[in-house]
PDB file of N, CA and C in Angstrom:
ATOM      1  N   UNK A   1      26.854  60.171  68.318  1.00  0.00           N
ATOM      2  CA  UNK A   1      27.490  59.019  68.113  1.00  0.00           C
ATOM      3  C   UNK A   1      28.069  58.918  69.297  1.00  0.00           C
ATOM      4  N   UNK A   2      28.675  57.172  69.318  1.00  0.00           N
ATOM      5  CA  UNK A   2      28.930  56.581  69.939  1.00  0.00           C
ATOM      6  C   UNK A   2      29.954  55.817  69.935  1.00  0.00           C
ATOM      7  N   UNK A   3      31.142  55.109  70.383  1.00  0.00           N
ATOM      8  CA  UNK A   3      32.391  54.646  69.874  1.00  0.00           C
ATOM      9  C   UNK A   3      31.896  52.854  70.381  1.00  0.00           C
ATOM     10  N   UNK A   4      32.199  52.047  69.518  1.00  0.00           N
ATOM     11  CA  UNK A   4      31.813  50.082  69.404  1.00  0.00           C
ATOM     12  C   UNK A   4      33.487  49.876  69.179  1.00  0.00           C
ATOM     13  N   UNK A   5      33.519  48.912  70.193  1.00  0.00           N
ATOM     14  CA  UNK A   5      34.173  48.329  69.632  1.00  0.00           C
ATOM     15  C   UNK A   5      34.601  46.320  68.995  1.00  0.00           C
ATOM     16  N   UNK A   6      34.656  46.253  67.687  1.00  0.00           N
ATOM     17  CA  UNK A   6      34.687  45.128  67.061  1.00  0.00           C
ATOM     18  C   UNK A   6      35.344  43.610  67.879  1.00  0.00           C
ATOM     19  N   UNK A   7      35.069  42.722  67.377  1.00  0.00           N
ATOM     20  CA  UNK A   7      35.937  41.614  68.091  1.00  0.00           C
ATOM     21  C   UNK A   7      35.252  40.522  67.295  1.00  0.00           C
ATOM     22  N   UNK A   8      36.318  39.758  66.966  1.00  0.00           N
ATOM     23  CA  UNK A   8      36.232  38.717  65.962  1.00  0.00           C
ATOM     24  C   UNK A   8      36.736  37.557  66.536  1.00  0.00           C
ATOM     25  N   UNK A   9      36.542  36.363  66.697  1.00  0.00           N
ATOM     26  CA  UNK A   9      37.507  35.120  66.981  1.00  0.00           C
ATOM     27  C   UNK A   9      38.057  34.885  65.975  1.00  0.00           C
ATOM     28  N   UNK A  10      39.449  35.228  66.221  1.00  0.00           N
ATOM     29  CA  UNK A  10      40.422  34.060  65.544  1.00  0.00           C
ATOM     30  C   UNK A  10      40.719  32.619  65.234  1.00  0.00           C
ATOM     31  N   UNK A  11      40.133  32.143  66.028  1.00  0.00           N
ATOM     32  CA  UNK A  11      40.119  30.581  65.437  1.00  0.00           C
ATOM     33  C   UNK A  11      38.817  29.993  64.647  1.00  0.00           C
ATOM     34  N   UNK A  12      37.746  30.993  64.524  1.00  0.00           N
ATOM     35  CA  UNK A  12      36.705  30.853  63.439  1.00  0.00           C
ATOM     36  C   UNK A  12      36.428  31.911  62.292  1.00  0.00           C
ATOM     37  N   UNK A  13      36.069  30.617  61.617  1.00  0.00           N
ATOM     38  CA  UNK A  13      35.848  31.891  60.295  1.00  0.00           C
ATOM     39  C   UNK A  13      34.088  31.999  60.501  1.00  0.00           C
ATOM     40  N   UNK A  14      33.982  32.883  59.207  1.00  0.00           N
ATOM     41  CA  UNK A  14      32.645  33.451  59.179  1.00  0.00           C
ATOM     42  C   UNK A  14      31.889  33.498  60.823  1.00  0.00           C
ATOM     43  N   UNK A  15      32.168  34.452  61.582  1.00  0.00           N
ATOM     44  CA  UNK A  15      31.585  33.966  62.833  1.00  0.00           C
ATOM     45  C   UNK A  15      31.067  35.843  62.648  1.00  0.00           C
ATOM     46  N   UNK A  16      30.425  36.168  63.424  1.00  0.00           N
ATOM     47  CA  UNK A  16      29.547  37.712  63.162  1.00  0.00           C
ATOM     48  C   UNK A  16      30.588  38.189  64.291  1.00  0.00           C
ATOM     49  N   UNK A  17      30.847  39.544  64.299  1.00  0.00           N
ATOM     50  CA  UNK A  17      31.680  40.281  65.281  1.00  0.00           C
ATOM     51  C   UNK A  17      30.714  40.219  66.797  1.00  0.00           C
ATOM     52  N   UNK A  18      31.403  40.126  67.743  1.00  0.00           N
ATOM     53  CA  UNK A  18      30.956  40.374  68.842  1.00  0.00           C
ATOM     54  C   UNK A  18      31.054  42.146  68.939  1.00  0.00           C
ATOM     55  N   UNK A  19      30.124  42.940  68.944  1.00  0.00           N
ATOM     56  CA  UNK A  19      29.853  44.673  69.371  1.00  0.00           C
ATOM     57  C   UNK A  19      30.222  44.755  70.336  1.00  0.00           C
ATOM     58  N   UNK A  20      30.822  45.798  71.051  1.00  0.00           N
ATOM     59  CA  UNK A  20      30.767  46.169  72.434  1.00  0.00           C
ATOM     60  C   UNK A  20      30.641  47.425  72.476  1.00  0.00           C
ATOM     61  N   UNK A  21      29.831  48.583  73.310  1.00  0.00           N
ATOM     62  CA  UNK A  21      29.332  49.773  72.868  1.00  0.00           C
ATOM     63  C   UNK A  21      30.775  50.785  74.342  1.00  0.00           C
ATOM     64  N   UNK A  22      31.680  51.401  73.930  1.00  0.00           N
ATOM     65  CA  UNK A  22      32.233  51.499  75.120  1.00  0.00           C
ATOM     66  C   UNK A  22      31.874  52.468  75.516  1.00  0.00           C
ATOM     67  N   UNK A  23      32.425  52.947  76.786  1.00  0.00           N
ATOM     68  CA  UNK A  23      31.594  53.589  77.841  1.00  0.00           C
ATOM     69  C   UNK A  23      30.541  53.295  79.169  1.00  0.00           C
ATOM     70  N   UNK A  24      30.253  53.498  80.001  1.00  0.00           N
ATOM     71  CA  UNK A  24      29.586  53.685  80.829  1.00  0.00           C
ATOM     72  C   UNK A  24      28.378  52.463  80.982  1.00  0.00           C
ATOM     73  N   UNK A  25      27.953  51.457  81.125  1.00  0.00           N
ATOM     74  CA  UNK A  25      26.622  50.488  80.925  1.00  0.00           C
ATOM     75  C   UNK A  25      25.620  50.725  81.441  1.00  0.00           C
ATOM     76  N   UNK A  26      24.699  50.744  81.736  1.00  0.00           N
ATOM     77  CA  UNK A  26      23.369  51.142  82.205  1.00  0.00           C
ATOM     78  C   UNK A  26      23.126  49.821  81.945  1.00  0.00           C
ATOM     79  N   UNK A  27      23.220  48.567  81.758  1.00  0.00           N
ATOM     80  CA  UNK A  27      22.762  47.538  81.513  1.00  0.00           C
ATOM     81  C   UNK A  27      23.104  46.496  82.712  1.00  0.00           C
ATOM     82  N   UNK A  28      24.757  46.899  83.021  1.00  0.00           N
ATOM     83  CA  UNK A  28      25.078  45.790  83.519  1.00  0.00           C
ATOM     84  C   UNK A  28      25.235  46.527  85.180  1.00  0.00           C
ATOM     85  N   UNK A  29      24.874  47.612  84.981  1.00  0.00           N
ATOM     86  CA  UNK A  29      24.654  48.564  86.052  1.00  0.00           C
ATOM     87  C   UNK A  29      22.838  47.787  87.582  1.00  0.00           C
ATOM     88  N   UNK A  30      22.239  48.226  85.940  1.00  0.00           N
ATOM     89  CA  UNK A  30      20.844  47.720  86.479  1.00  0.00           C
ATOM     90  C   UNK A  30      21.076  46.299  87.061  1.00  0.00           C
ATOM     91  N   UNK A  31      21.551  45.018  85.843  1.00  0.00           N
ATOM     92  CA  UNK A  31      21.093  44.215  86.340  1.00  0.00           C
ATOM     93  C   UNK A  31      22.546  42.963  87.256  1.00  0.00           C
ATOM     94  N   UNK A  32      23.482  43.573  87.155  1.00  0.00           N
ATOM     95  CA  UNK A  32      25.097  43.348  87.406  1.00  0.00           C
ATOM     96  C   UNK A  32      24.800  41.687  87.652  1.00  0.00           C
ATOM     97  N   UNK A  33      24.861  41.327  88.111  1.00  0.00           N
ATOM     98  CA  UNK A  33      25.316  39.789  87.712  1.00  0.00           C
ATOM     99  C   UNK A  33      24.625  38.432  86.503  1.00  0.00           C
ATOM    100  N   UNK A  34      23.582  39.363  87.017  1.00  0.00           N
ATOM    101  CA  UNK A  34      22.546  38.626  85.568  1.00  0.00           C
ATOM    102  C   UNK A  34      23.112  39.139  84.105  1.00  0.00           C
ATOM    103  N   UNK A  35      23.357  40.268  84.083  1.00  0.00           N
ATOM    104  CA  UNK A  35      24.348  40.625  82.528  1.00  0.00           C
ATOM    105  C   UNK A  35      25.609  40.382  82.731  1.00  0.00           C
ATOM    106  N   UNK A  36      26.392  40.220  83.708  1.00  0.00           N
ATOM    107  CA  UNK A  36      27.421  38.942  83.437  1.00  0.00           C
ATOM    108  C   UNK A  36      27.318  37.570  82.924  1.00  0.00           C
ATOM    109  N   UNK A  37      26.289  36.946  83.685  1.00  0.00           N
ATOM    110  CA  UNK A  37      26.060  35.486  83.339  1.00  0.00           C
ATOM    111  C   UNK A  37      25.391  35.492  81.672  1.00  0.00           C
ATOM    112  N   UNK A  38      24.491  36.639  81.571  1.00  0.00           N
ATOM    113  CA  UNK A  38      24.056  36.839  79.745  1.00  0.00           C
ATOM    114  C   UNK A  38      25.036  37.117  78.817  1.00  0.00           C
ATOM    115  N   UNK A  39      26.134  37.680  79.229  1.00  0.00           N
ATOM    116  CA  UNK A  39      27.547  37.640  78.452  1.00  0.00           C
ATOM    117  C   UNK A  39      28.341  36.492  78.942  1.00  0.00           C
ATOM    118  N   UNK A  40      28.132  35.675  79.488  1.00  0.00           N
ATOM    119  CA  UNK A  40      29.596  34.192  79.857  1.00  0.00           C
ATOM    120  C   UNK A  40      30.707  34.672  80.573  1.00  0.00           C
ATOM    121  N   UNK A  41      30.232  35.365  81.246  1.00  0.00           N
ATOM    122  CA  UNK A  41      31.074  36.267  82.302  1.00  0.00           C
ATOM    123  C   UNK A  41      31.317  35.363  83.815  1.00  0.00           C
ATOM    124  N   UNK A  42      31.515  34.473  83.148  1.00  0.00           N
ATOM    125  CA  UNK A  42      31.224  33.206  85.011  1.00  0.00           C
ATOM    126  C   UNK A  42      31.754  33.102  85.971  1.00  0.00           C
ATOM    127  N   UNK A  43      32.901  34.019  86.105  1.00  0.00           N
ATOM    128  CA  UNK A  43      34.003  34.227  87.307  1.00  0.00           C
ATOM    129  C   UNK A  43      33.717  35.526  87.296  1.00  0.00           C
ATOM    130  N   UNK A  44      33.256  36.784  86.920  1.00  0.00           N
ATOM    131  CA  UNK A  44      32.420  37.898  86.907  1.00  0.00           C
ATOM    132  C   UNK A  44      31.560  37.885  87.879  1.00  0.00           C
ATOM    133  N   UNK A  45      30.483  37.432  87.220  1.00  0.00           N
ATOM    134  CA  UNK A  45      29.366  36.597  88.408  1.00  0.00           C
ATOM    135  C   UNK A  45      29.409  36.154  89.979  1.00  0.00           C
ATOM    136  N   UNK A  46      30.247  35.231  89.333  1.00  0.00           N
ATOM    137  CA  UNK A  46      30.846  34.558  90.643  1.00  0.00           C
ATOM    138  C   UNK A  46      31.468  35.899  91.760  1.00  0.00           C
ATOM    139  N   UNK A  47      32.533  36.767  91.643  1.00  0.00           N
ATOM    140  CA  UNK A  47      32.938  37.045  92.273  1.00  0.00           C
ATOM    141  C   UNK A  47      31.657  38.073  92.813  1.00  0.00           C
ATOM    142  N   UNK A  48      31.001  38.454  91.760  1.00  0.00           N
ATOM    143  CA  UNK A  48      29.966  39.654  92.470  1.00  0.00           C
ATOM    144  C   UNK A  48      28.915  39.473  93.396  1.00  0.00           C
ATOM    145  N   UNK A  49      28.659  37.807  93.364  1.00  0.00           N
ATOM    146  CA  UNK A  49      27.941  37.810  94.532  1.00  0.00           C
ATOM    147  C   UNK A  49      28.836  37.385  95.548  1.00  0.00           C
ATOM    148  N   UNK A  50      29.803  36.778  95.635  1.00  0.00           N
ATOM    149  CA  UNK A  50      30.486  36.496  96.959  1.00  0.00           C
ATOM    150  C   UNK A  50      30.642  37.896  97.264  1.00  0.00           C
ATOM    151  N   UNK A  51      30.730  38.677  96.883  1.00  0.00           N
ATOM    152  CA  UNK A  51      31.003  40.135  97.219  1.00  0.00           C
ATOM    153  C   UNK A  51      30.247  41.111  98.433  1.00  0.00           C
ATOM    154  N   UNK A  52      28.233  40.502  97.325  1.00  0.00           N
ATOM    155  CA  UNK A  52      27.478  40.833  97.914  1.00  0.00           C
ATOM    156  C   UNK A  52      27.257  39.848  99.721  1.00  0.00           C
ATOM    157  N   UNK A  53      27.300  38.746  99.239  1.00  0.00           N
ATOM    158  CA  UNK A  53      27.791  38.015 100.351  1.00  0.00           C
ATOM    159  C   UNK A  53      27.971  38.235 101.419  1.00  0.00           C
ATOM    160  N   UNK A  54      29.091  38.381 101.217  1.00  0.00           N
ATOM    161  CA  UNK A  54      30.081  39.082 102.095  1.00  0.00           C
ATOM    162  C   UNK A  54      29.359  40.551 103.004  1.00  0.00           C
ATOM    163  N   UNK A  55      29.004  41.225 101.769  1.00  0.00           N
ATOM    164  CA  UNK A  55      28.473  42.971 102.532  1.00  0.00           C
ATOM    165  C   UNK A  55      26.982  42.997 103.222  1.00  0.00           C
ATOM    166  N   UNK A  56      26.479  41.692 102.870  1.00  0.00           N
ATOM    167  CA  UNK A  56      25.410  41.019 103.733  1.00  0.00           C
ATOM    168  C   UNK A  56      25.792  40.262 104.748  1.00  0.00           C
ATOM    169  N   UNK A  57      26.706  39.882 105.499  1.00  0.00           N
ATOM    170  CA  UNK A  57      27.259  38.829 106.218  1.00  0.00           C
ATOM    171  C   UNK A  57      27.921  40.211 107.638  1.00  0.00           C
ATOM    172  N   UNK A  58      28.256  41.389 106.675  1.00  0.00           N
ATOM    173  CA  UNK A  58      28.631  42.264 107.245  1.00  0.00           C
ATOM    174  C   UNK A  58      28.161  43.275 108.455  1.00  0.00           C
ATOM    175  N   UNK A  59      26.411  42.972 107.558  1.00  0.00           N
ATOM    176  CA  UNK A  59      26.023  44.047 108.174  1.00  0.00           C
ATOM    177  C   UNK A  59      25.442  44.003 109.526  1.00  0.00           C
ATOM    178  N   UNK A  60      25.541  42.757 110.306  1.00  0.00           N
ATOM    179  CA  UNK A  60      26.061  42.181 111.560  1.00  0.00           C
ATOM    180  C   UNK A  60      26.486  43.155 112.604  1.00  0.00           C
ATOM    181  N   UNK A  61      27.730  43.441 111.492  1.00  0.00           N
ATOM    182  CA  UNK A  61      28.787  43.787 112.681  1.00  0.00           C
ATOM    183  C   UNK A  61      29.293  45.616 112.413  1.00  0.00           C
ATOM    184  N   UNK A  62      28.313  46.000 111.397  1.00  0.00           N
ATOM    185  CA  UNK A  62      28.680  47.449 110.557  1.00  0.00           C
ATOM    186  C   UNK A  62      27.156  47.976 110.384  1.00  0.00           C
ATOM    187  N   UNK A  63      27.199  49.155 110.522  1.00  0.00           N
ATOM    188  CA  UNK A  63      25.696  49.847 110.436  1.00  0.00           C
ATOM    189  C   UNK A  63      25.341  49.109 109.225  1.00  0.00           C
ATOM    190  N   UNK A  64      24.166  49.358 109.357  1.00  0.00           N
ATOM    191  CA  UNK A  64      23.522  49.448 107.538  1.00  0.00           C
ATOM    192  C   UNK A  64      23.265  50.296 107.145  1.00  0.00           C
ATOM    193  N   UNK A  65      23.727  51.181 107.348  1.00  0.00           N
ATOM    194  CA  UNK A  65      23.568  52.730 106.103  1.00  0.00           C
ATOM    195  C   UNK A  65      25.157  52.308 105.335  1.00  0.00           C
ATOM    196  N   UNK A  66      26.229  52.095 105.954  1.00  0.00           N
ATOM    197  CA  UNK A  66      27.114  52.271 105.799  1.00  0.00           C
ATOM    198  C   UNK A  66      27.527  50.477 104.613  1.00  0.00           C
ATOM    199  N   UNK A  67      27.340  49.352 104.966  1.00  0.00           N
ATOM    200  CA  UNK A  67      26.730  48.796 103.771  1.00  0.00           C
ATOM    201  C   UNK A  67      25.970  48.929 102.808  1.00  0.00           C
ATOM    202  N   UNK A  68      25.214  49.534 102.942  1.00  0.00           N
ATOM    203  CA  UNK A  68      23.926  50.009 101.457  1.00  0.00           C
ATOM    204  C   UNK A  68      25.099  51.095 101.081  1.00  0.00           C
ATOM    205  N   UNK A  69      25.719  52.017 101.345  1.00  0.00           N
ATOM    206  CA  UNK A  69      26.639  53.057 100.816  1.00  0.00           C
ATOM    207  C   UNK A  69      27.569  51.921 100.031  1.00  0.00           C
ATOM    208  N   UNK A  70      28.585  50.651 100.253  1.00  0.00           N
ATOM    209  CA  UNK A  70      29.571  50.082  99.548  1.00  0.00           C
ATOM    210  C   UNK A  70      28.236  48.996  98.941  1.00  0.00           C
ATOM    211  N   UNK A  71      27.364  48.782  98.959  1.00  0.00           N
ATOM    212  CA  UNK A  71      26.834  47.643  97.741  1.00  0.00           C
ATOM    213  C   UNK A  71      26.312  49.055  96.836  1.00  0.00           C
ATOM    214  N   UNK A  72      26.088  50.165  97.021  1.00  0.00           N
ATOM    215  CA  UNK A  72      26.169  51.073  95.902  1.00  0.00           C
ATOM    216  C   UNK A  72      26.943  51.434  94.876  1.00  0.00           C
ATOM    217  N   UNK A  73      28.322  51.835  95.851  1.00  0.00           N
ATOM    218  CA  UNK A  73      29.097  51.795  95.247  1.00  0.00           C
ATOM    219  C   UNK A  73      30.142  50.828  93.926  1.00  0.00           C
ATOM    220  N   UNK A  74      29.631  49.376  94.721  1.00  0.00           N
ATOM    221  CA  UNK A  74      30.179  48.505  93.993  1.00  0.00           C
ATOM    222  C   UNK A  74      29.431  48.357  92.518  1.00  0.00           C
ATOM    223  N   UNK A  75      27.739  48.743  92.904  1.00  0.00           N
ATOM    224  CA  UNK A  75      27.025  48.064  91.367  1.00  0.00           C
ATOM    225  C   UNK A  75      27.254  48.960  90.464  1.00  0.00           C
ATOM    226  N   UNK A  76      27.974  50.745  90.900  1.00  0.00           N
ATOM    227  CA  UNK A  76      28.366  52.056  89.655  1.00  0.00           C
ATOM    228  C   UNK A  76      29.798  51.567  89.293  1.00  0.00           C
ATOM    229  N   UNK A  77      30.738  51.270  90.198  1.00  0.00           N
ATOM    230  CA  UNK A  77      31.768  50.618  89.801  1.00  0.00           C
ATOM    231  C   UNK A  77      31.678  49.816  89.017  1.00  0.00           C
ATOM    232  N   UNK A  78      31.008  48.639  88.726  1.00  0.00           N
ATOM    233  CA  UNK A  78      30.682  48.051  87.616  1.00  0.00           C
ATOM    234  C   UNK A  78      30.344  48.147  86.766  1.00  0.00           C
ATOM    235  N   UNK A  79      29.446  49.365  86.631  1.00  0.00           N
ATOM    236  CA  UNK A  79      28.480  50.394  85.522  1.00  0.00           C
ATOM    237  C   UNK A  79      29.685  50.836  84.827  1.00  0.00           C
ATOM    238  N   UNK A  80      30.766  50.753  85.087  1.00  0.00           N
ATOM    239  CA  UNK A  80      31.647  51.694  84.700  1.00  0.00           C
ATOM    240  C   UNK A  80      33.166  50.872  83.401  1.00  0.00           C
ATOM    241  N   UNK A  81      32.954  49.660  84.991  1.00  0.00           N
ATOM    242  CA  UNK A  81      34.283  48.716  84.176  1.00  0.00           C
ATOM    243  C   UNK A  81      33.690  47.491  83.254  1.00  0.00           C
ATOM    244  N   UNK A  82      32.578  47.323  83.283  1.00  0.00           N
ATOM    245  CA  UNK A  82      31.729  45.521  83.335  1.00  0.00           C
ATOM    246  C   UNK A  82      32.260  45.796  80.901  1.00  0.00           C
ATOM    247  N   UNK A  83      32.179  46.811  80.576  1.00  0.00           N
ATOM    248  CA  UNK A  83      32.358  46.502  78.699  1.00  0.00           C
ATOM    249  C   UNK A  83      34.284  45.958  78.919  1.00  0.00           C
ATOM    250  N   UNK A  84      35.449  47.231  79.959  1.00  0.00           N
ATOM    251  CA  UNK A  84      36.200  46.238  80.235  1.00  0.00           C
ATOM    252  C   UNK A  84      36.660  44.913  80.400  1.00  0.00           C
ATOM    253  N   UNK A  85      35.824  44.463  81.042  1.00  0.00           N
ATOM    254  CA  UNK A  85      35.375  42.912  82.118  1.00  0.00           C
ATOM    255  C   UNK A  85      35.156  42.378  80.957  1.00  0.00           C
ATOM    256  N   UNK A  86      34.117  42.689  80.231  1.00  0.00           N
ATOM    257  CA  UNK A  86      33.714  42.245  78.966  1.00  0.00           C
ATOM    258  C   UNK A  86      34.388  42.237  77.724  1.00  0.00           C
ATOM    259  N   UNK A  87      35.689  43.123  77.682  1.00  0.00           N
ATOM    260  CA  UNK A  87      36.964  43.122  76.964  1.00  0.00           C
ATOM    261  C   UNK A  87      38.023  41.540  76.671  1.00  0.00           C
ATOM    262  N   UNK A  88      37.994  42.390  78.268  1.00  0.00           N
ATOM    263  CA  UNK A  88      39.082  41.191  78.462  1.00  0.00           C
ATOM    264  C   UNK A  88      39.031  39.461  78.846  1.00  0.00           C
ATOM    265  N   UNK A  89      37.652  39.075  78.538  1.00  0.00           N
ATOM    266  CA  UNK A  89      36.810  37.636  79.066  1.00  0.00           C
ATOM    267  C   UNK A  89      37.339  37.254  77.496  1.00  0.00           C
ATOM    268  N   UNK A  90      36.501  38.249  76.402  1.00  0.00           N
ATOM    269  CA  UNK A  90      36.662  38.435  75.214  1.00  0.00           C
ATOM    270  C   UNK A  90      38.226  37.920  74.850  1.00  0.00           C
ATOM    271  N   UNK A  91      38.513  38.308  75.053  1.00  0.00           N
ATOM    272  CA  UNK A  91      40.298  37.994  74.764  1.00  0.00           C
ATOM    273  C   UNK A  91      40.919  37.075  75.686  1.00  0.00           C
ATOM    274  N   UNK A  92      40.657  36.498  76.551  1.00  0.00           N
ATOM    275  CA  UNK A  92      40.368  35.674  77.237  1.00  0.00           C
ATOM    276  C   UNK A  92      39.917  34.185  75.875  1.00  0.00           C
ATOM    277  N   UNK A  93      39.007  34.333  75.656  1.00  0.00           N
ATOM    278  CA  UNK A  93      38.595  33.149  74.389  1.00  0.00           C
ATOM    279  C   UNK A  93      39.244  33.529  73.313  1.00  0.00           C
ATOM    280  N   UNK A  94      40.139  33.652  72.803  1.00  0.00           N
ATOM    281  CA  UNK A  94      40.723  34.283  71.795  1.00  0.00           C
ATOM    282  C   UNK A  94      40.119  35.399  70.795  1.00  0.00           C
ATOM    283  N   UNK A  95      39.462  35.680  71.090  1.00  0.00           N
ATOM    284  CA  UNK A  95      38.842  37.119  70.449  1.00  0.00           C
ATOM    285  C   UNK A  95      39.397  37.856  70.503  1.00  0.00           C
ATOM    286  N   UNK A  96      39.963  38.832  68.919  1.00  0.00           N
ATOM    287  CA  UNK A  96      40.954  39.988  68.923  1.00  0.00           C
ATOM    288  C   UNK A  96      40.062  41.224  68.403  1.00  0.00           C
ATOM    289  N   UNK A  97      40.631  42.324  68.619  1.00  0.00           N
ATOM    290  CA  UNK A  97      39.783  43.773  68.085  1.00  0.00           C
ATOM    291  C   UNK A  97      40.261  43.838  67.284  1.00  0.00           C
ATOM    292  N   UNK A  98      39.467  44.244  65.747  1.00  0.00           N
ATOM    293  CA  UNK A  98      39.636  44.087  64.617  1.00  0.00           C
ATOM    294  C   UNK A  98      39.103  45.565  63.951  1.00  0.00           C
ATOM    295  N   UNK A  99      38.266  46.095  64.682  1.00  0.00           N
ATOM    296  CA  UNK A  99      38.022  47.192  64.344  1.00  0.00           C
ATOM    297  C   UNK A  99      37.324  48.185  65.624  1.00  0.00           C
ATOM    298  N   UNK A 100      37.656  49.498  65.804  1.00  0.00           N
ATOM    299  CA  UNK A 100      36.918  50.757  66.196  1.00  0.00           C
ATOM    300  C   UNK A 100      35.836  51.266  65.558  1.00  0.00           C
ATOM    301  N   UNK A 101      34.815  51.610  65.708  1.00  0.00           N
ATOM    302  CA  UNK A 101      34.023  52.328  64.616  1.00  0.00           C
ATOM    303  C   UNK A 101      33.466  53.700  65.398  1.00  0.00           C
ATOM    304  N   UNK A 102      33.431  54.677  64.958  1.00  0.00           N
ATOM    305  CA  UNK A 102      32.423  55.424  65.398  1.00  0.00           C
ATOM    306  C   UNK A 102      30.544  55.426  65.067  1.00  0.00           C
ATOM    307  N   UNK A 103      28.992  55.432  65.700  1.00  0.00           N
ATOM    308  CA  UNK A 103      28.395  54.566  64.760  1.00  0.00           C
ATOM    309  C   UNK A 103      27.040  55.282  65.689  1.00  0.00           C
ATOM    310  N   UNK A 104      25.871  55.707  65.560  1.00  0.00           N
ATOM    311  CA  UNK A 104      24.893  55.964  66.405  1.00  0.00           C
ATOM    312  C   UNK A 104      24.367  54.629  66.799  1.00  0.00           C
ATOM    313  N   UNK A 105      24.380  53.938  66.560  1.00  0.00           N
ATOM    314  CA  UNK A 105      23.926  52.256  66.848  1.00  0.00           C
ATOM    315  C   UNK A 105      24.858  51.175  66.043  1.00  0.00           C
ATOM    316  N   UNK A 106      24.563  50.140  67.381  1.00  0.00           N
ATOM    317  CA  UNK A 106      25.156  48.380  66.768  1.00  0.00           C
ATOM    318  C   UNK A 106      24.993  48.095  65.147  1.00  0.00           C
ATOM    319  N   UNK A 107      23.502  48.120  65.308  1.00  0.00           N
ATOM    320  CA  UNK A 107      23.497  47.994  63.768  1.00  0.00           C
ATOM    321  C   UNK A 107      24.492  49.025  62.606  1.00  0.00           C
ATOM    322  N   UNK A 108      24.562  50.227  63.086  1.00  0.00           N
ATOM    323  CA  UNK A 108      25.015  51.072  62.095  1.00  0.00           C
ATOM    324  C   UNK A 108      26.977  50.508  62.145  1.00  0.00           C
ATOM    325  N   UNK A 109      27.133  49.956  63.409  1.00  0.00           N
ATOM    326  CA  UNK A 109      28.296  49.757  64.337  1.00  0.00           C
ATOM    327  C   UNK A 109      28.812  48.607  62.786  1.00  0.00           C
ATOM    328  N   UNK A 110      27.782  47.319  62.731  1.00  0.00           N
ATOM    329  CA  UNK A 110      28.300  46.270  61.977  1.00  0.00           C
ATOM    330  C   UNK A 110      28.083  46.576  61.017  1.00  0.00           C
ATOM    331  N   UNK A 111      27.251  47.122  60.493  1.00  0.00           N
ATOM    332  CA  UNK A 111      27.380  47.789  59.051  1.00  0.00           C
ATOM    333  C   UNK A 111      28.798  48.438  58.594  1.00  0.00           C
ATOM    334  N   UNK A 112      28.667  49.473  58.968  1.00  0.00           N
ATOM    335  CA  UNK A 112      30.628  50.176  58.846  1.00  0.00           C
ATOM    336  C   UNK A 112      31.402  48.451  58.839  1.00  0.00           C
ATOM    337  N   UNK A 113      31.760  48.292  59.901  1.00  0.00           N
ATOM    338  CA  UNK A 113      32.214  46.705  59.698  1.00  0.00           C
ATOM    339  C   UNK A 113      32.242  45.947  58.718  1.00  0.00           C
ATOM    340  N   UNK A 114      30.694  45.366  58.092  1.00  0.00           N
ATOM    341  CA  UNK A 114      30.845  44.414  57.001  1.00  0.00           C
ATOM    342  C   UNK A 114      31.591  45.025  55.841  1.00  0.00           C
ATOM    343  N   UNK A 115      30.946  46.486  55.414  1.00  0.00           N
ATOM    344  CA  UNK A 115      31.546  47.318  54.384  1.00  0.00           C
ATOM    345  C   UNK A 115      32.635  47.138  54.062  1.00  0.00           C
ATOM    346  N   UNK A 116      33.330  47.789  55.610  1.00  0.00           N
ATOM    347  CA  UNK A 116      34.987  47.962  55.254  1.00  0.00           C
ATOM    348  C   UNK A 116      35.626  46.184  55.166  1.00  0.00           C
ATOM    349  N   UNK A 117      35.062  44.965  56.138  1.00  0.00           N
ATOM    350  CA  UNK A 117      35.912  43.772  55.397  1.00  0.00           C
ATOM    351  C   UNK A 117      35.326  43.515  54.190  1.00  0.00           C
ATOM    352  N   UNK A 118      34.445  43.326  53.658  1.00  0.00           N
ATOM    353  CA  UNK A 118      34.284  42.939  52.309  1.00  0.00           C
ATOM    354  C   UNK A 118      35.229  44.309  50.994  1.00  0.00           C
ATOM    355  N   UNK A 119      35.178  45.483  51.434  1.00  0.00           N
ATOM    356  CA  UNK A 119      36.001  46.620  50.745  1.00  0.00           C
ATOM    357  C   UNK A 119      36.918  46.054  50.741  1.00  0.00           C
ATOM    358  N   UNK A 120      37.886  45.443  51.655  1.00  0.00           N
ATOM    359  CA  UNK A 120      38.777  45.329  52.195  1.00  0.00           C
ATOM    360  C   UNK A 120      39.362  43.996  51.364  1.00  0.00           C
ATOM    361  N   UNK A 121      38.865  43.057  51.458  1.00  0.00           N
ATOM    362  CA  UNK A 121      38.998  41.489  50.740  1.00  0.00           C
ATOM    363  C   UNK A 121      38.889  41.821  49.082  1.00  0.00           C
ATOM    364  N   UNK A 122      37.970  43.079  48.635  1.00  0.00           N
ATOM    365  CA  UNK A 122      38.425  42.714  47.402  1.00  0.00           C
ATOM    366  C   UNK A 122      39.369  43.254  46.467  1.00  0.00           C
ATOM    367  N   UNK A 123      39.638  43.894  47.749  1.00  0.00           N
ATOM    368  CA  UNK A 123      41.216  45.412  47.088  1.00  0.00           C
ATOM    369  C   UNK A 123      42.231  44.218  46.137  1.00  0.00           C
TER     370      UNK A 123
END
């Protein structure tokens, strides 16, 4: 079982929720700024590119293995904080946390949310 956060845009009706799996993100770790671009996190992608350009520029000043270690650490740190950055970006776009769900998949999390929302609306 995993923990999923479901965000809904408070300004729009009938928009499906954005589902975020909490915890370490392997896809964010492996794909880095491409992952950020896919999730429309433009500032995060720009900052990541800037950090890597600075680190590449530092290769002439410092030892290559040190720069490689720093790059690996920044990639791993991004994997740990990617979901937090995604949630922060959604909140800036008027999304609100509606539900936290324990589920085995994204689809199950969305189904639990929709069932609870529908049942809550009927009462």
